[in-house]
C-alpha atoms as a PDB file:
ATOM      1  CA  MET A   1      23.677  -5.045  22.651  1.00  0.00           C
ATOM      2  CA  LYS A   2      26.874  -4.448  23.396  1.00  0.00           C
ATOM      3  CA  LYS A   3      27.980  -0.846  23.464  1.00  0.00           C
ATOM      4  CA  GLU A   4      30.460  -1.153  20.918  1.00  0.00           C
ATOM      5  CA  LEU A   5      27.997  -2.079  18.386  1.00  0.00           C
ATOM      6  CA  GLU A   6      25.664   0.439  19.682  1.00  0.00           C
ATOM      7  CA  MET A   7      28.374   3.175  19.243  1.00  0.00           C
ATOM      8  CA  LYS A   8      28.699   1.959  15.814  1.00  0.00           C
ATOM      9  CA  LEU A   9      25.054   2.797  14.911  1.00  0.00           C
ATOM     10  CA  VAL A  10      25.029   5.801  16.385  1.00  0.00           C
ATOM     11  CA  LYS A  11      28.254   7.072  14.597  1.00  0.00           C
ATOM     12  CA  LYS A  12      26.729   5.835  11.478  1.00  0.00           C
ATOM     13  CA  TYR A  13      23.646   7.425  11.831  1.00  0.00           C
ATOM     14  CA  PRO A  14      23.812  10.389  14.084  1.00  0.00           C
ATOM     15  CA  ILE A  15      20.800  11.898  13.332  1.00  0.00           C
ATOM     16  CA  ILE A  16      18.356   8.783  13.599  1.00  0.00           C
ATOM     17  CA  PHE A  17      20.244   8.154  17.299  1.00  0.00           C
ATOM     18  CA  SER A  18      20.477  11.748  18.085  1.00  0.00           C
ATOM     19  CA  GLN A  19      18.842  10.917  21.404  1.00  0.00           C
ATOM     20  CA  TYR A  20      21.100   8.129  22.515  1.00  0.00           C
ATOM     21  CA  GLY A  21      21.951   8.448  25.869  1.00  0.00           C
ATOM     22  CA  GLY A  22      19.723  11.320  26.578  1.00  0.00           C
ATOM     23  CA  ASP A  23      18.001  12.080  29.812  1.00  0.00           C
ATOM     24  CA  MET A  24      15.592   9.525  30.884  1.00  0.00           C
ATOM     25  CA  ARG A  25      13.025  11.870  31.564  1.00  0.00           C
ATOM     26  CA  ASP A  26      13.105  12.835  27.893  1.00  0.00           C
ATOM     27  CA  THR A  27      13.651   9.764  25.961  1.00  0.00           C
ATOM     28  CA  CYS A  28      13.751   5.716  26.502  1.00  0.00           C
ATOM     29  CA  MET A  29      17.228   6.008  24.445  1.00  0.00           C
ATOM     30  CA  HIS A  30      18.730   6.917  27.698  1.00  0.00           C
ATOM     31  CA  TRP A  31      19.135   2.984  28.315  1.00  0.00           C
ATOM     32  CA  GLY A  32      20.429   2.363  24.733  1.00  0.00           C
ATOM     33  CA  MET A  33      19.342  -0.367  22.501  1.00  0.00           C
ATOM     34  CA  GLU A  34      17.858  -2.894  24.416  1.00  0.00           C
ATOM     35  CA  CYS A  35      18.180  -5.951  22.296  1.00  0.00           C
ATOM     36  CA  GLY A  36      20.752  -8.645  21.684  1.00  0.00           C
ATOM     37  CA  GLY A  37      23.587  -7.955  19.262  1.00  0.00           C
ATOM     38  CA  GLY A  38      22.421 -10.316  16.817  1.00  0.00           C
ATOM     39  CA  TRP A  39      19.992  -7.796  15.645  1.00  0.00           C
ATOM     40  CA  TYR A  40      23.014  -5.393  14.952  1.00  0.00           C
ATOM     41  CA  ASN A  41      22.731  -6.111  11.176  1.00  0.00           C
ATOM     42  CA  LEU A  42      19.173  -5.753  10.990  1.00  0.00           C
ATOM     43  CA  LEU A  43      19.220  -2.407  12.645  1.00  0.00           C
ATOM     44  CA  ASP A  44      21.898  -1.334  10.315  1.00  0.00           C
ATOM     45  CA  GLU A  45      19.848  -2.185   7.463  1.00  0.00           C
ATOM     46  CA  LEU A  46      16.664  -0.736   8.803  1.00  0.00           C
ATOM     47  CA  CYS A  47      18.457   2.694   9.153  1.00  0.00           C
ATOM     48  CA  GLU A  48      20.062   2.255   5.958  1.00  0.00           C
ATOM     49  CA  ASN A  49      16.667   1.826   4.200  1.00  0.00           C
ATOM     50  CA  VAL A  50      15.160   4.684   6.142  1.00  0.00           C
ATOM     51  CA  THR A  51      18.268   7.155   5.410  1.00  0.00           C
ATOM     52  CA  THR A  52      17.896   6.188   1.607  1.00  0.00           C
ATOM     53  CA  LEU A  53      14.133   6.845   1.356  1.00  0.00           C
ATOM     54  CA  ILE A  54      14.852  10.280   3.069  1.00  0.00           C
ATOM     55  CA  GLY A  55      17.483  11.372   0.680  1.00  0.00           C
ATOM     56  CA  ASP A  56      17.571  15.090   0.366  1.00  0.00           C
ATOM     57  CA  LYS A  57      14.177  15.771   1.617  1.00  0.00           C
ATOM     58  CA  ASN A  58      13.204  17.804   4.518  1.00  0.00           C
ATOM     59  CA  ILE A  59      12.458  14.764   6.899  1.00  0.00           C
ATOM     60  CA  LYS A  60      14.072  14.018  10.252  1.00  0.00           C
ATOM     61  CA  VAL A  61      13.884  10.491  11.673  1.00  0.00           C
ATOM     62  CA  THR A  62      14.922   9.981  15.182  1.00  0.00           C
ATOM     63  CA  ALA A  63      14.594   6.628  17.047  1.00  0.00           C
ATOM     64  CA  ALA A  64      12.717   6.912  20.312  1.00  0.00           C
ATOM     65  CA  GLN A  65      13.397   3.408  21.673  1.00  0.00           C
ATOM     66  CA  VAL A  66      14.937   0.387  20.384  1.00  0.00           C
ATOM     67  CA  LYS A  67      14.293  -3.026  22.312  1.00  0.00           C
ATOM     68  CA  GLU A  68      12.866  -6.732  22.078  1.00  0.00           C
ATOM     69  CA  LYS A  69       9.446  -7.520  23.224  1.00  0.00           C
ATOM     70  CA  PHE A  70       7.576 -10.636  22.565  1.00  0.00           C
ATOM     71  CA  GLY A  71      10.487 -12.044  20.929  1.00  0.00           C
ATOM     72  CA  GLY A  72      10.873  -9.350  18.088  1.00  0.00           C
ATOM     73  CA  LEU A  73      12.176  -6.053  17.278  1.00  0.00           C
ATOM     74  CA  ARG A  74      10.510  -2.871  18.203  1.00  0.00           C
ATOM     75  CA  PHE A  75      11.848   0.440  16.648  1.00  0.00           C
ATOM     76  CA  TYR A  76       9.724   3.426  17.986  1.00  0.00           C
ATOM     77  CA  TYR A  77      10.535   6.419  16.394  1.00  0.00           C
ATOM     78  CA  ASP A  78       9.330  10.235  15.845  1.00  0.00           C
ATOM     79  CA  ILE A  79       9.355  11.737  12.527  1.00  0.00           C
ATOM     80  CA  GLU A  80       9.449  15.515  11.643  1.00  0.00           C
ATOM     81  CA  SER A  81       8.391  16.491   8.079  1.00  0.00           C
ATOM     82  CA  PRO A  82       6.535  19.133   5.870  1.00  0.00           C
ATOM     83  CA  GLU A  83       4.495  16.188   4.406  1.00  0.00           C
ATOM     84  CA  THR A  84       2.623  15.383   8.111  1.00  0.00           C
ATOM     85  CA  PHE A  85       0.728  18.357   6.807  1.00  0.00           C
ATOM     86  CA  MET A  86      -1.259  15.965   4.464  1.00  0.00           C
ATOM     87  CA  GLY A  87      -1.966  13.410   7.229  1.00  0.00           C
ATOM     88  CA  LYS A  88      -3.433  16.249   9.308  1.00  0.00           C
ATOM     89  CA  VAL A  89      -5.485  16.918   6.483  1.00  0.00           C
ATOM     90  CA  GLU A  90      -6.374  13.514   5.745  1.00  0.00           C
ATOM     91  CA  TYR A  91      -7.316  13.261   9.564  1.00  0.00           C
ATOM     92  CA  LYS A  92      -9.824  16.182   9.332  1.00  0.00           C
ATOM     93  CA  ILE A  93     -11.119  14.878   6.028  1.00  0.00           C
ATOM     94  CA  SER A  94     -11.864  11.269   7.576  1.00  0.00           C
ATOM     95  CA  SER A  95     -13.282  12.898  10.782  1.00  0.00           C
ATOM     96  CA  PHE A  96     -16.094  14.780   8.635  1.00  0.00           C
ATOM     97  CA  MET A  97     -16.747  11.854   6.489  1.00  0.00           C
ATOM     98  CA  PHE A  98     -17.308   9.495   9.652  1.00  0.00           C
ATOM     99  CA  LYS A  99     -19.533  12.171  10.874  1.00  0.00           C
ATOM    100  CA  LEU A 100     -21.762  11.941   8.013  1.00  0.00           C
ATOM    101  CA  ARG A 101     -21.736   8.447   8.370  1.00  0.00           C
ATOM    102  CA  LEU A 102     -19.473   8.110   4.927  1.00  0.00           C
ATOM    103  CA  GLY A 103     -16.455   6.160   6.510  1.00  0.00           C
ATOM    104  CA  LYS A 104     -16.550   3.272   4.259  1.00  0.00           C
ATOM    105  CA  GLN A 105     -16.518   5.669   1.042  1.00  0.00           C
ATOM    106  CA  TYR A 106     -13.529   7.533   2.889  1.00  0.00           C
ATOM    107  CA  TRP A 107     -11.627   3.942   3.251  1.00  0.00           C
ATOM    108  CA  ALA A 108     -12.460   3.378  -0.390  1.00  0.00           C
ATOM    109  CA  ILE A 109     -10.904   6.526  -1.483  1.00  0.00           C
ATOM    110  CA  ILE A 110      -7.585   6.218   0.594  1.00  0.00           C
ATOM    111  CA  HIS A 111      -6.980   2.730  -0.121  1.00  0.00           C
ATOM    112  CA  PHE A 112      -7.102   3.648  -3.846  1.00  0.00           C
ATOM    113  CA  ARG A 113      -4.806   6.662  -3.230  1.00  0.00           C
ATOM    114  CA  LYS A 114      -2.439   4.355  -1.709  1.00  0.00           C
ATOM    115  CA  LYS A 115      -2.005   2.213  -4.573  1.00  0.00           C
ATOM    116  CA  PHE A 116      -0.801   4.778  -6.731  1.00  0.00           C
ATOM    117  CA  TYR A 117       0.911   7.314  -4.390  1.00  0.00           C
ATOM    118  CA  ARG A 118       2.739   6.545  -1.023  1.00  0.00           C
ATOM    119  CA  THR A 119       4.304   9.257   1.054  1.00  0.00           C
ATOM    120  CA  THR A 120       7.720   9.261   1.995  1.00  0.00           C
ATOM    121  CA  GLU A 121       6.119   8.741   5.647  1.00  0.00           C
ATOM    122  CA  GLU A 122       4.263   5.732   4.592  1.00  0.00           C
ATOM    123  CA  LYS A 123       7.468   4.254   3.179  1.00  0.00           C
ATOM    124  CA  ILE A 124       9.826   4.732   6.060  1.00  0.00           C
ATOM    125  CA  SER A 125       6.748   3.076   8.281  1.00  0.00           C
ATOM    126  CA  ASP A 126       6.918   0.101   5.844  1.00  0.00           C
ATOM    127  CA  ALA A 127      10.708  -0.129   6.076  1.00  0.00           C
ATOM    128  CA  ILE A 128      10.748   0.096   9.870  1.00  0.00           C
ATOM    129  CA  SER A 129       8.059  -2.840   9.798  1.00  0.00           C
ATOM    130  CA  ASN A 130       9.954  -4.743   7.226  1.00  0.00           C
ATOM    131  CA  GLY A 131      12.932  -4.776   9.695  1.00  0.00           C
ATOM    132  CA  GLU A 132      11.004  -5.649  12.566  1.00  0.00           C
ATOM    133  CA  HIS A 133       9.411  -8.560  10.941  1.00  0.00           C
ATOM    134  CA  LYS A 134      12.698 -10.110   9.980  1.00  0.00           C
ATOM    135  CA  SER A 135      13.503 -10.007  13.591  1.00  0.00           C
ATOM    136  CA  TYR A 136      11.305 -12.825  14.109  1.00  0.00           C
ATOM    137  CA  ASP A 137      13.413 -15.055  11.897  1.00  0.00           C
ATOM    138  CA  THR A 138      16.604 -14.016  13.133  1.00  0.00           C
ATOM    139  CA  CYS A 139      18.445 -15.017  16.338  1.00  0.00           C
ATOM    140  CA  GLU A 140      18.606 -12.109  18.642  1.00  0.00           C
ATOM    141  CA  ILE A 141      22.088 -13.269  20.233  1.00  0.00           C
ATOM    142  CA  CYS A 142      24.210 -14.404  17.454  1.00  0.00           C
ATOM    143  CA  GLY A 143      21.965 -13.330  14.128  1.00  0.00           C
ATOM    144  CA  GLU A 144      21.805 -16.699  12.898  1.00  0.00           C
ATOM    145  CA  PRO A 145      18.465 -17.839  11.261  1.00  0.00           C
ATOM    146  CA  GLY A 146      16.297 -18.452  14.015  1.00  0.00           C
ATOM    147  CA  LYS A 147      12.806 -18.521  15.297  1.00  0.00           C
ATOM    148  CA  THR A 148      10.270 -17.225  18.117  1.00  0.00           C
ATOM    149  CA  ARG A 149      10.466 -19.917  21.134  1.00  0.00           C
ATOM    150  CA  GLY A 150       9.560 -19.983  24.920  1.00  0.00           C
ATOM    151  CA  ARG A 151       6.354 -19.669  27.014  1.00  0.00           C
ATOM    152  CA  SER A 152       6.420 -17.267  29.893  1.00  0.00           C
ATOM    153  CA  TRP A 153       9.393 -15.120  28.126  1.00  0.00           C
ATOM    154  CA  VAL A 154       9.430 -15.300  24.283  1.00  0.00           C
ATOM    155  CA  SER A 155      12.652 -14.865  22.650  1.00  0.00           C
ATOM    156  CA  THR A 156      13.880 -15.529  18.939  1.00  0.00           C
ATOM    157  CA  GLN A 157      16.624 -17.951  19.030  1.00  0.00           C
ATOM    158  CA  CYS A 158      18.549 -20.264  16.781  1.00  0.00           C
ATOM    159  CA  ASP A 159      18.808 -23.766  17.992  1.00  0.00           C
ATOM    160  CA  LYS A 160      22.302 -23.323  19.402  1.00  0.00           C
ATOM    161  CA  CYS A 161      21.777 -20.472  21.386  1.00  0.00           C
ATOM    162  CA  TRP A 162      18.562 -22.166  22.578  1.00  0.00           C
ATOM    163  CA  GLU A 163      20.195 -25.383  23.901  1.00  0.00           C
ATOM    164  CA  THR A 164      22.811 -22.616  25.911  1.00  0.00           C
ATOM    165  CA  SER A 165      20.154 -20.322  27.102  1.00  0.00           C
ATOM    166  CA  ASN A 166      18.510 -20.371  30.342  1.00  0.00           C
ATOM    167  CA  LEU A 167      14.767 -19.870  28.673  1.00  0.00           C
ATOM    168  CA  ASN A 168      14.130 -23.057  27.661  1.00  0.00           C
END
Protein backbone atom coordinates (compact mmCIF):
# COMPACT_ATOMS: atom_id res chain seq x y z
CA MET A 1 0.00 0.00 0.00
CA LYS A 2 1.24 3.47 -0.74
CA LYS A 3 2.60 5.39 2.21
CA GLU A 4 0.00 8.19 1.83
CA LEU A 5 -2.89 5.74 2.23
CA GLU A 6 -1.21 4.04 5.17
CA MET A 7 -0.70 7.38 6.90
CA LYS A 8 -4.38 8.30 6.41
CA LEU A 9 -5.36 5.12 8.27
CA VAL A 10 -2.73 5.70 10.97
CA LYS A 11 -3.98 9.26 11.56
CA LYS A 12 -7.65 8.24 11.54
CA TYR A 13 -7.12 5.23 13.88
CA PRO A 14 -4.08 6.07 16.03
CA ILE A 15 -4.81 3.46 18.71
CA ILE A 16 -5.34 0.58 16.30
CA PHE A 17 -2.16 1.45 14.40
CA SER A 18 -0.11 2.52 17.42
CA GLN A 19 2.60 -0.03 16.52
CA TYR A 20 2.94 1.32 12.97
CA GLY A 21 6.60 1.88 12.10
CA GLY A 22 7.74 0.33 15.39
CA ASP A 23 10.91 -1.63 15.97
CA MET A 24 11.11 -4.74 13.77
CA ARG A 25 12.10 -6.80 16.80
CA ASP A 26 8.79 -5.96 18.47
CA THR A 27 6.18 -5.70 15.71
CA CYS A 28 5.49 -6.68 12.11
CA MET A 29 3.95 -3.24 11.65
CA HIS A 30 7.53 -2.02 11.19
CA TRP A 31 7.07 -2.82 7.48
CA GLY A 32 3.71 -1.11 7.24
CA MET A 33 0.64 -2.57 5.57
CA GLU A 34 1.81 -5.19 3.13
CA CYS A 35 -1.11 -5.21 0.72
CA GLY A 36 -2.35 -3.27 -2.28
CA GLY A 37 -4.05 0.11 -2.11
CA GLY A 38 -7.28 -1.36 -3.47
CA TRP A 39 -8.01 -2.65 0.01
CA TYR A 40 -7.76 0.79 1.63
CA ASN A 41 -11.58 1.13 1.85
CA LEU A 42 -11.86 -2.40 3.30
CA LEU A 43 -9.33 -1.55 6.00
CA ASP A 44 -11.04 1.77 6.71
CA GLU A 45 -14.43 0.04 7.08
CA LEU A 46 -12.91 -2.74 9.22
CA CYS A 47 -11.27 -0.23 11.59
CA GLU A 48 -14.46 1.86 11.73
CA ASN A 49 -16.49 -1.23 12.71
CA VAL A 50 -13.96 -2.16 15.41
CA THR A 51 -13.94 1.40 16.77
CA THR A 52 -17.74 1.43 16.86
CA LEU A 53 -17.86 -1.89 18.72
CA ILE A 54 -15.32 -0.68 21.28
CA GLY A 55 -17.27 2.51 21.94
CA ASP A 56 -16.49 3.76 25.44
CA LYS A 57 -15.49 0.33 26.78
CA ASN A 58 -12.06 -0.18 28.31
CA ILE A 59 -10.81 -2.24 25.34
CA LYS A 60 -7.71 -1.63 23.25
CA VAL A 61 -7.24 -3.26 19.84
CA THR A 62 -3.89 -2.84 18.09
CA ALA A 63 -2.91 -4.13 14.67
CA ALA A 64 0.03 -6.52 14.90
CA GLN A 65 0.29 -7.19 11.14
CA VAL A 66 -1.69 -6.26 8.03
CA LYS A 67 -0.86 -8.12 4.83
CA GLU A 68 -2.03 -10.10 1.84
CA LYS A 69 -1.78 -13.89 2.02
CA PHE A 70 -3.18 -16.45 -0.43
CA GLY A 71 -5.13 -13.67 -2.18
CA GLY A 72 -6.88 -12.42 0.95
CA LEU A 73 -6.44 -9.74 3.57
CA ARG A 74 -4.95 -10.82 6.89
CA PHE A 75 -5.46 -8.50 9.85
CA TYR A 76 -3.64 -9.86 12.89
CA TYR A 77 -4.35 -7.97 16.10
CA ASP A 78 -3.81 -7.87 19.84
CA ILE A 79 -6.62 -7.09 22.23
CA GLU A 80 -6.46 -5.86 25.81
CA SER A 81 -9.70 -6.07 27.69
CA PRO A 82 -11.12 -6.73 31.12
CA GLU A 83 -13.53 -9.13 29.35
CA THR A 84 -10.65 -11.49 28.56
CA PHE A 85 -11.06 -12.68 32.15
CA MET A 86 -14.21 -14.51 31.03
CA GLY A 87 -12.23 -16.17 28.27
CA LYS A 88 -9.76 -17.46 30.86
CA VAL A 89 -12.62 -18.75 33.01
CA GLU A 90 -14.18 -20.51 30.01
CA TYR A 91 -10.81 -22.10 29.19
CA LYS A 92 -10.45 -23.43 32.75
CA ILE A 93 -13.98 -24.82 32.69
CA SER A 94 -13.44 -26.43 29.28
CA SER A 95 -10.18 -28.04 30.41
CA PHE A 96 -11.91 -29.45 33.49
CA MET A 97 -14.89 -30.76 31.52
CA PHE A 98 -12.71 -32.33 28.83
CA LYS A 99 -10.69 -34.13 31.53
CA LEU A 100 -13.97 -35.58 32.79
CA ARG A 101 -14.83 -36.52 29.18
CA LEU A 102 -17.73 -34.07 29.18
CA GLY A 103 -16.46 -32.05 26.21
CA LYS A 104 -19.59 -32.64 24.16
CA GLN A 105 -21.77 -31.17 26.90
CA TYR A 106 -19.36 -28.23 27.29
CA TRP A 107 -19.63 -27.31 23.60
CA ALA A 108 -23.41 -27.53 23.79
CA ILE A 109 -23.39 -25.04 26.69
CA ILE A 110 -20.97 -22.64 24.95
CA HIS A 111 -22.85 -22.67 21.64
CA PHE A 112 -26.12 -22.14 23.50
CA ARG A 113 -24.60 -19.12 25.28
CA LYS A 114 -23.34 -17.62 22.01
CA LYS A 115 -26.86 -17.62 20.59
CA PHE A 116 -27.94 -15.14 23.28
CA TYR A 117 -24.78 -13.36 24.40
CA ARG A 118 -21.60 -12.48 22.54
CA THR A 119 -18.69 -10.73 24.20
CA THR A 120 -17.24 -7.59 22.68
CA GLU A 121 -14.11 -9.58 21.78
CA GLU A 122 -16.23 -12.05 19.81
CA LYS A 123 -17.99 -9.20 18.01
CA ILE A 124 -14.61 -7.60 17.17
CA SER A 125 -13.32 -10.93 15.88
CA ASP A 126 -16.42 -11.26 13.69
CA ALA A 127 -16.00 -7.72 12.31
CA ILE A 128 -12.38 -8.43 11.39
CA SER A 129 -13.30 -11.77 9.81
CA ASN A 130 -16.00 -10.07 7.74
CA GLY A 131 -13.47 -7.54 6.45
CA GLU A 132 -11.04 -10.31 5.60
CA HIS A 133 -13.74 -12.26 3.73
CA LYS A 134 -14.71 -9.19 1.68
CA SER A 135 -11.13 -8.98 0.40
CA TYR A 136 -11.68 -12.12 -1.68
CA ASP A 137 -14.22 -10.20 -3.78
CA THR A 138 -12.24 -6.93 -4.01
CA CYS A 139 -9.31 -6.20 -6.34
CA GLU A 140 -6.23 -5.62 -4.22
CA ILE A 141 -4.83 -3.15 -6.75
CA CYS A 142 -7.75 -0.86 -7.64
CA GLY A 143 -10.60 -1.76 -5.25
CA GLU A 144 -13.08 -2.80 -7.96
CA PRO A 145 -14.93 -6.13 -7.73
CA GLY A 146 -12.48 -8.94 -8.37
CA LYS A 147 -11.87 -12.62 -7.91
CA THR A 148 -9.06 -14.82 -6.65
CA ARG A 149 -6.69 -15.87 -9.43
CA GLY A 150 -3.32 -17.44 -9.98
CA ARG A 151 -1.54 -20.73 -9.50
CA SER A 152 1.78 -20.34 -7.75
CA TRP A 153 1.08 -16.82 -6.43
CA VAL A 154 -2.59 -16.26 -5.63
CA SER A 155 -3.98 -12.74 -5.88
CA THR A 156 -7.43 -11.16 -5.90
CA GLN A 157 -7.77 -8.89 -8.91
CA CYS A 158 -10.35 -7.52 -11.32
CA ASP A 159 -10.22 -8.45 -15.02
CA LYS A 160 -8.46 -5.22 -16.02
CA CYS A 161 -5.72 -5.46 -13.39
CA TRP A 162 -5.27 -9.18 -14.07
CA GLU A 163 -4.64 -8.50 -17.77
CA THR A 164 -1.89 -5.99 -16.96
CA SER A 165 -0.31 -8.00 -14.13
CA ASN A 166 2.68 -10.25 -14.55
CA LEU A 167 1.05 -13.03 -12.48
CA ASN A 168 -1.18 -14.41 -15.26
